[in-house]
C-alpha cells in the first residue's frame, strides 16, 4: 500500500522567511527614495509600516500554503479531508452511539399491559438526550422493566445520566439508568480515513484482492481496527478482524457487509472471524535508581498499547525496550522467557505484573 508519509514534500508549498520578505519590501520601497533618503533607519516612521506590510504578506503566503495543503490527501484535515476523499467515492464513518441499560418503573401496578414506545426521549439534567432503542411492555401486575437507551452522541463511552422522560405518556413512569453508556465509537479519525482512501482504489479489482477486502472490512464498521486476509483455498477467503470490542455483533456486521452481492466477487466464499487473542503476562522485577520514581515509571510502562498488530511477534527485545524506562537500572524479566511467534490470524494482548526494588549500584 502507498505510504503517504514517504512522499516527497511538495515544492508548491513555500518555505516562509519573514526577514527575506521584509528585505524584499524594503528594496521596492527604496527604489522610490532619493539618494539622501536611501538610508532607511529603524527609527524612521516608514519602517514600522514596511514591517507591517511584510508581516501581512507573510500571513497571506501562509494562508496560500494552507489552502494548498487542504487539497492534498497527506495534509488535509477535518472537513477539508472529507472533501478530498469524496473524489475517491468514500466518506468519513460517523461512528456508533453508545448504549446503557435503563430501568422503567410505574408508580403502581396496573391491571393491563403498559406499552412503552421505541424512540422514547430521555434527557439528562444538562440537556443531553437519549432514546429508547426498542419498544417495551410492562405486563399487567408488574411495575418495572429494563430496556436499552441510545445516547445521541458518537462517543466510545459516557458517564452522562439520561433519566428524565420527555415523551408524554398516559401513565406515571420513572426511569433510572442502571449502567453508563458503553459500546460506542467516535467518528473516524483523519489517519484512518486517509488509510481507507488509499485502500479504496483496490476495490476496483475484478478478482477481489486482499487489500480490497481490507478496505471493505474497514468500511463496514468503525470499530474495525485491523484486518488480515488469508487464502483459505480455491474460492475461500478468510478474513480475520481485530476490533475495538471483539464482539460477535461487530463481527456479524462485517460478515454481512462483505457477503453482500455488491461487495463480494461472485466466486468467493467469505469467512469472517475475530482474530485469535494470545494473552501474555509480562512479569518482571525492576531495579530502580530512585524509588521515588516508581509511580512515574509504572504509569509510563502501563501506558504502552495493550495489544500488538495482527501477526506481529512479541519479541523479548521489545519487552525490554518497554520496561527499561528512564530511572530503571536493571530489568529482571521472569516471563516470558522466549520470543512469542504470532500467526496472521492472531494478535498478542499483553498485561503487566511488576514489582520494584532499590537497585544495588
Protein backbone atom coordinates (compact mmCIF):
# COMPACT_ATOMS: atom_id res chain seq x y z
CA UNK A 1 0.00 0.00 0.00
CA UNK A 2 1.18 3.51 -0.79
CA UNK A 3 2.87 5.15 2.20
CA UNK A 4 1.73 8.77 2.24
CA UNK A 5 4.46 9.68 4.74
CA UNK A 6 7.13 8.56 2.26
CA UNK A 7 6.03 11.03 -0.42
CA UNK A 8 8.40 13.97 -1.09
CA UNK A 9 7.38 17.30 0.37
CA UNK A 10 5.53 19.32 -2.33
CA UNK A 11 7.54 22.13 -3.93
CA UNK A 12 4.34 24.12 -4.33
CA UNK A 13 4.30 24.66 -0.55
CA UNK A 14 6.62 27.59 0.02
CA UNK A 15 9.11 27.84 2.87
CA UNK A 16 8.42 31.15 4.57
CA UNK A 17 11.04 33.58 5.87
CA UNK A 18 9.91 36.87 7.35
CA UNK A 19 13.32 38.57 7.05
CA UNK A 20 13.52 37.79 3.32
CA UNK A 21 10.04 39.19 2.75
CA UNK A 22 10.87 42.32 4.76
CA UNK A 23 14.08 42.92 2.79
CA UNK A 24 12.16 42.49 -0.46
CA UNK A 25 9.56 45.07 0.62
CA UNK A 26 12.29 47.49 1.71
CA UNK A 27 14.08 47.12 -1.64
CA UNK A 28 10.91 48.00 -3.51
CA UNK A 29 10.36 51.00 -1.24
CA UNK A 30 13.96 52.22 -1.66
CA UNK A 31 13.52 52.40 -5.43
CA UNK A 32 11.36 55.48 -4.86
CA UNK A 33 13.74 57.25 -2.46
CA UNK A 34 16.28 59.90 -3.35
CA UNK A 35 19.98 59.43 -2.67
CA UNK A 36 19.65 61.42 0.55
CA UNK A 37 16.78 59.23 1.75
CA UNK A 38 18.22 55.86 0.73
CA UNK A 39 19.44 55.06 4.28
CA UNK A 40 16.26 53.70 5.89
CA UNK A 41 16.63 53.62 9.67
CA UNK A 42 14.70 51.55 12.18
CA UNK A 43 13.57 54.78 13.82
CA UNK A 44 12.02 56.10 10.60
CA UNK A 45 8.23 56.27 10.57
CA UNK A 46 8.20 54.23 7.38
CA UNK A 47 10.00 51.28 8.99
CA UNK A 48 7.02 50.22 11.12
CA UNK A 49 4.76 50.45 8.05
CA UNK A 50 7.10 48.31 5.96
CA UNK A 51 7.34 45.71 8.74
CA UNK A 52 3.55 45.63 8.89
CA UNK A 53 3.30 45.12 5.13
CA UNK A 54 5.89 42.34 5.28
CA UNK A 55 4.02 40.61 8.09
CA UNK A 56 0.74 40.85 6.18
CA UNK A 57 2.44 39.29 3.15
CA UNK A 58 3.80 36.52 5.38
CA UNK A 59 0.27 35.78 6.61
CA UNK A 60 -1.05 35.78 3.05
CA UNK A 61 1.61 33.33 1.87
CA UNK A 62 0.93 31.11 4.90
CA UNK A 63 -2.77 31.13 4.01
CA UNK A 64 -1.91 30.09 0.44
CA UNK A 65 0.26 27.27 1.79
CA UNK A 66 -2.60 26.09 3.99
CA UNK A 67 -5.02 26.23 1.06
CA UNK A 68 -2.70 24.03 -0.99
CA UNK A 69 -2.35 21.55 1.88
CA UNK A 70 -6.11 21.37 2.30
CA UNK A 71 -6.34 19.95 -1.23
CA UNK A 72 -3.69 17.24 -0.75
CA UNK A 73 -4.52 13.88 0.83
CA UNK A 74 -1.41 13.63 3.07
CA UNK A 75 -2.01 17.07 4.64
CA UNK A 76 -5.78 17.73 4.56
CA UNK A 77 -7.66 17.51 7.87
CA UNK A 78 -11.23 17.73 9.10
CA UNK A 79 -13.83 18.87 6.61
CA UNK A 80 -11.10 19.61 4.03
CA UNK A 81 -10.16 15.91 4.15
CA UNK A 82 -13.82 14.96 3.81
CA UNK A 83 -13.93 16.86 0.53
CA UNK A 84 -10.65 15.37 -0.72
CA UNK A 85 -11.71 11.75 -0.15
CA UNK A 86 -15.04 12.44 -1.86
CA UNK A 87 -13.01 12.23 -5.08
CA UNK A 88 -12.36 8.57 -4.16
CA UNK A 89 -16.09 8.00 -3.72
CA UNK A 90 -15.92 7.49 0.04
CA UNK A 91 -16.95 9.42 3.15
CA UNK A 92 -15.98 9.53 6.81
CA UNK A 93 -17.65 6.91 9.01
CA UNK A 94 -19.84 8.57 11.61
CA UNK A 95 -19.09 6.14 14.42
CA UNK A 96 -21.57 4.45 16.74
CA UNK A 97 -23.71 5.72 19.58
CA UNK A 98 -23.19 4.05 22.99
CA UNK A 99 -25.99 2.33 24.88
CA UNK A 100 -26.97 1.92 28.53
CA UNK A 101 -29.46 -0.17 30.50
CA UNK A 102 -32.41 1.76 31.91
CA UNK A 103 -35.00 0.54 34.39
CA UNK A 104 -38.54 1.88 33.84
CA UNK A 105 -40.88 1.78 36.84
CA UNK A 106 -44.60 2.50 37.27
CA UNK A 107 -45.87 4.33 40.33
CA UNK A 108 -48.27 1.43 40.97
CA UNK A 109 -49.21 -1.89 39.43
CA UNK A 110 -51.92 -1.77 36.77
CA UNK A 111 -54.47 -4.31 35.60
CA UNK A 112 -53.44 -4.02 31.97
CA UNK A 113 -50.26 -4.14 29.86
CA UNK A 114 -48.36 -0.86 29.60
CA UNK A 115 -46.69 -0.16 26.24
CA UNK A 116 -43.53 1.99 26.18
CA UNK A 117 -42.74 3.06 22.59
CA UNK A 118 -39.33 2.87 20.93
CA UNK A 119 -37.84 6.32 20.47
CA UNK A 120 -38.96 7.48 23.91
CA UNK A 121 -36.87 10.58 24.69
CA UNK A 122 -34.74 10.64 27.83
CA UNK A 123 -32.87 13.77 28.90
CA UNK A 124 -30.07 14.47 31.36
CA UNK A 125 -30.01 17.40 33.77
CA UNK A 126 -27.64 19.19 31.38
CA UNK A 127 -29.85 18.66 28.32
CA UNK A 128 -28.13 15.63 26.77
CA UNK A 129 -30.60 13.31 25.06
CA UNK A 130 -31.00 9.58 24.60
CA UNK A 131 -33.74 7.45 23.04
CA UNK A 132 -35.22 4.07 23.88
CA UNK A 133 -33.85 1.52 21.39
CA UNK A 134 -36.75 -0.99 21.36
CA UNK A 135 -40.37 -0.95 22.44
CA UNK A 136 -41.12 -2.40 25.89
CA UNK A 137 -44.24 -3.86 27.51
CA UNK A 138 -44.77 -3.93 31.26
CA UNK A 139 -47.15 -6.82 31.79
CA UNK A 140 -50.27 -6.39 33.93
CA UNK A 141 -49.43 -6.78 37.59
CA UNK A 142 -45.77 -5.82 37.14
CA UNK A 143 -44.22 -2.47 37.97
CA UNK A 144 -40.89 -2.37 36.13
CA UNK A 145 -38.89 -3.46 33.12
CA UNK A 146 -35.35 -2.91 31.84
CA UNK A 147 -34.66 -1.50 28.38
CA UNK A 148 -31.76 -0.09 26.37
CA UNK A 149 -31.29 3.62 25.69
CA UNK A 150 -29.06 5.06 22.97
CA UNK A 151 -27.13 8.25 23.67
CA UNK A 152 -27.45 10.83 20.92
CA UNK A 153 -23.69 11.30 20.54
CA UNK A 154 -20.93 9.47 18.68
CA UNK A 155 -18.59 8.67 21.57
CA UNK A 156 -16.99 5.48 22.85
CA UNK A 157 -18.47 5.80 26.35
CA UNK A 158 -20.04 8.38 28.64
CA UNK A 159 -20.95 8.87 32.30
CA UNK A 160 -23.97 11.00 31.37
CA UNK A 161 -27.22 10.03 33.09
CA UNK A 162 -30.34 10.43 30.93
CA UNK A 163 -33.25 9.68 33.28
CA UNK A 164 -35.80 12.46 32.70
CA UNK A 165 -38.64 11.24 30.45
CA UNK A 166 -39.66 13.90 27.92
CA UNK A 167 -42.12 11.92 25.79
CA UNK A 168 -45.72 12.47 27.06
CA UNK A 169 -47.26 9.23 28.40
CA UNK A 170 -50.79 8.47 29.72
CA UNK A 171 -49.36 6.97 32.91
CA UNK A 172 -46.76 7.84 35.56
CA UNK A 173 -43.40 6.33 34.68
CA UNK A 174 -39.89 6.93 36.03
CA UNK A 175 -36.52 5.93 34.59
CA UNK A 176 -33.31 5.01 36.37
CA UNK A 177 -30.12 4.40 34.38
CA UNK A 178 -28.52 1.14 35.55
CA UNK A 179 -25.19 1.49 33.75
CA UNK A 180 -23.01 4.03 32.00
CA UNK A 181 -23.15 4.40 28.23
CA UNK A 182 -20.78 1.92 26.58
CA UNK A 183 -20.07 0.24 23.26
CA UNK A 184 -19.97 3.33 21.07
CA UNK A 185 -17.30 4.59 18.72
CA UNK A 186 -16.09 8.08 17.87
CA UNK A 187 -16.16 9.48 14.34
CA UNK A 188 -13.48 8.11 12.05
CA UNK A 189 -10.12 9.79 12.61
CA UNK A 190 -8.24 11.62 9.86
CA UNK A 191 -5.47 8.99 9.80
CA UNK A 192 -7.92 6.10 9.42
CA UNK A 193 -9.83 7.94 6.71
CA UNK A 194 -6.60 8.58 4.76
CA UNK A 195 -5.73 4.89 5.03
CA UNK A 196 -9.13 3.89 3.66
CA UNK A 197 -8.82 6.42 0.85
CA UNK A 198 -5.62 4.76 -0.38
CA UNK A 199 -7.10 1.28 0.08
CA UNK A 200 -10.30 2.29 -1.73
CA UNK A 201 -8.54 2.09 -5.09
CA UNK A 202 -8.20 -1.66 -4.52
CA UNK A 203 -11.97 -2.13 -4.57
CA UNK A 204 -11.94 -1.77 -8.35
CA UNK A 205 -10.04 -5.05 -8.66
CA UNK A 206 -12.19 -7.54 -10.56
CA UNK A 207 -10.63 -10.52 -8.76
CA UNK A 208 -11.13 -9.38 -5.17
CA UNK A 209 -7.63 -8.62 -3.93
CA UNK A 210 -6.62 -8.91 -0.26
CA UNK A 211 -6.39 -5.13 0.05
CA UNK A 212 -9.87 -4.78 -1.43
CA UNK A 213 -11.23 -6.96 1.36
CA UNK A 214 -9.27 -4.94 3.93
CA UNK A 215 -10.83 -1.74 2.60
CA UNK A 216 -14.34 -3.17 2.61
CA UNK A 217 -13.97 -4.59 6.12
CA UNK A 218 -12.74 -1.26 7.47
CA UNK A 219 -15.64 0.48 5.73
CA UNK A 220 -18.17 -1.93 7.21
CA UNK A 221 -17.76 -0.84 10.82
CA UNK A 222 -15.87 1.97 12.54
CA UNK A 223 -14.88 -0.45 15.33
CA UNK A 224 -12.64 -2.44 12.96
CA UNK A 225 -9.02 -1.63 13.85
CA UNK A 226 -7.09 -4.11 11.72
CA UNK A 227 -7.85 -6.75 9.09
CA UNK A 228 -5.92 -9.79 7.95
CA UNK A 229 -6.96 -11.59 4.76
CA UNK A 230 -5.74 -15.14 4.10
CA UNK A 231 -6.24 -17.60 1.27
CA UNK A 232 -8.36 -20.48 2.54
CA UNK A 233 -8.14 -22.46 -0.69
CA UNK A 234 -9.92 -22.29 -4.04
CA UNK A 235 -12.66 -19.66 -3.79
CA UNK A 236 -12.38 -19.35 0.01
CA UNK A 237 -11.37 -16.03 1.60
CA UNK A 238 -10.64 -15.96 5.32
CA UNK A 239 -10.95 -12.54 6.95
CA UNK A 240 -9.65 -12.04 10.49
CA UNK A 241 -10.68 -8.96 12.46
CA UNK A 242 -9.15 -7.01 15.31
CA UNK A 243 -11.91 -4.73 16.58
CA UNK A 244 -12.35 -2.27 19.41
CA UNK A 245 -14.73 -4.59 21.30
CA UNK A 246 -14.02 -8.01 19.71
CA UNK A 247 -17.77 -8.65 19.92
CA UNK A 248 -19.90 -11.06 17.94
CA UNK A 249 -22.15 -8.16 16.95
CA UNK A 250 -19.30 -6.30 15.26
CA UNK A 251 -18.06 -9.50 13.55
CA UNK A 252 -21.56 -10.23 12.24
CA UNK A 253 -21.97 -6.71 10.84
CA UNK A 254 -18.69 -7.06 8.90
CA UNK A 255 -19.59 -10.56 7.69
CA UNK A 256 -22.95 -9.37 6.40
CA UNK A 257 -21.33 -6.41 4.65
CA UNK A 258 -18.60 -8.47 2.96
CA UNK A 259 -21.06 -11.12 1.80
CA UNK A 260 -23.32 -8.60 0.12
CA UNK A 261 -23.51 -9.21 -3.64
CA UNK A 262 -22.34 -5.64 -4.32
CA UNK A 263 -19.10 -6.29 -2.39
CA UNK A 264 -18.21 -9.96 -2.68
CA UNK A 265 -16.88 -11.30 -6.01
CA UNK A 266 -19.31 -13.89 -7.35
CA UNK A 267 -16.99 -16.89 -6.98
CA UNK A 268 -15.70 -16.10 -3.46
CA UNK A 269 -16.86 -17.66 -0.23
CA UNK A 270 -16.01 -15.23 2.57
CA UNK A 271 -15.49 -16.43 6.13
CA UNK A 272 -15.18 -13.64 8.72
CA UNK A 273 -13.71 -14.48 12.12
CA UNK A 274 -12.46 -12.48 15.06
CA UNK A 275 -8.69 -12.83 15.26
CA UNK A 276 -7.36 -15.11 17.97
CA UNK A 277 -6.10 -13.33 21.08
CA UNK A 278 -2.85 -14.56 22.60
CA UNK A 279 -2.78 -13.32 26.19
CA UNK A 280 0.73 -12.80 27.53
CA UNK A 281 1.60 -11.67 31.04
CA UNK A 282 4.86 -9.75 31.35
CA UNK A 283 6.17 -10.47 34.83
CA UNK A 284 9.32 -8.68 35.90
CA UNK A 285 11.20 -7.16 38.81
CA UNK A 286 12.57 -3.70 38.11
CA UNK A 287 15.55 -2.29 39.99
CA UNK A 288 15.30 1.49 40.25
CA UNK A 289 17.98 4.09 40.84
CA UNK A 290 15.46 6.07 42.89
CA UNK A 291 12.34 4.51 44.46
CA UNK A 292 10.59 7.90 44.36
CA UNK A 293 10.27 7.35 40.60
CA UNK A 294 8.28 4.12 41.00
CA UNK A 295 4.83 5.60 40.33
CA UNK A 296 6.05 7.57 37.33
CA UNK A 297 7.80 4.55 35.81
CA UNK A 298 4.86 2.23 36.49
CA UNK A 299 2.46 4.68 34.83
CA UNK A 300 4.72 5.09 31.78
CA UNK A 301 5.07 1.33 31.29
CA UNK A 302 1.36 0.64 31.65
CA UNK A 303 0.57 3.39 29.12
CA UNK A 304 2.05 1.07 26.48
CA UNK A 305 -0.59 -0.16 23.98
CA UNK A 306 -2.11 -3.35 25.38
CA UNK A 307 -2.21 -5.09 22.01
CA UNK A 308 0.16 -5.59 19.12
CA UNK A 309 -0.78 -5.69 15.45
CA UNK A 310 -2.20 -8.81 13.86
CA UNK A 311 0.66 -11.16 13.02
CA UNK A 312 3.24 -9.12 14.97
CA UNK A 313 5.57 -11.22 17.09
CA UNK A 314 6.19 -10.27 20.71
CA UNK A 315 9.97 -10.33 20.95
CA UNK A 316 11.97 -10.09 24.14
CA UNK A 317 13.82 -7.09 22.75
CA UNK A 318 10.50 -5.22 22.53
CA UNK A 319 9.62 -6.16 26.13
CA UNK A 320 12.97 -4.89 27.43
CA UNK A 321 12.54 -1.63 25.50
CA UNK A 322 9.13 -1.13 27.14
CA UNK A 323 10.36 -1.91 30.65
CA UNK A 324 13.69 -0.09 30.59
CA UNK A 325 12.40 3.44 31.18
CA UNK A 326 14.47 6.33 32.48
CA UNK A 327 15.27 5.55 36.11
CA UNK A 328 15.33 1.76 35.67
CA UNK A 329 18.78 0.36 36.46
CA UNK A 330 18.11 -3.30 35.68
CA UNK A 331 15.22 -5.41 34.36
CA UNK A 332 14.87 -8.92 35.80
CA UNK A 333 12.40 -10.46 33.36
CA UNK A 334 10.67 -13.60 34.66
CA UNK A 335 8.07 -14.26 31.94
CA UNK A 336 8.01 -14.68 29.02
CA UNK A 337 11.46 -16.22 28.55
CA UNK A 338 11.39 -16.60 24.75
CA UNK A 339 10.04 -14.69 21.76
CA UNK A 340 6.34 -15.29 21.10
CA UNK A 341 5.51 -16.12 17.49
CA UNK A 342 2.14 -14.87 16.28
CA UNK A 343 0.34 -16.04 13.14
CA UNK A 344 -1.50 -13.84 10.65
CA UNK A 345 -4.80 -14.90 12.23
CA UNK A 346 -3.88 -13.73 15.74
CA UNK A 347 -2.57 -10.84 17.80
CA UNK A 348 -0.87 -10.58 21.18
CA UNK A 349 -2.53 -8.87 24.14
CA UNK A 350 -0.18 -8.04 26.99
CA UNK A 351 -0.62 -7.36 30.69
CA UNK A 352 1.93 -6.39 33.32
CA UNK A 353 2.78 -7.92 36.68
CA UNK A 354 5.57 -5.73 38.01
CA UNK A 355 7.46 -5.41 41.27
CA UNK A 356 10.06 -2.81 42.21
CA UNK A 357 13.10 -2.58 44.45
CA UNK A 358 16.05 -0.27 45.03
CA UNK A 359 18.98 -1.11 42.79
CA UNK A 360 22.28 -2.14 44.40
CA UNK A 361 24.69 0.07 42.49
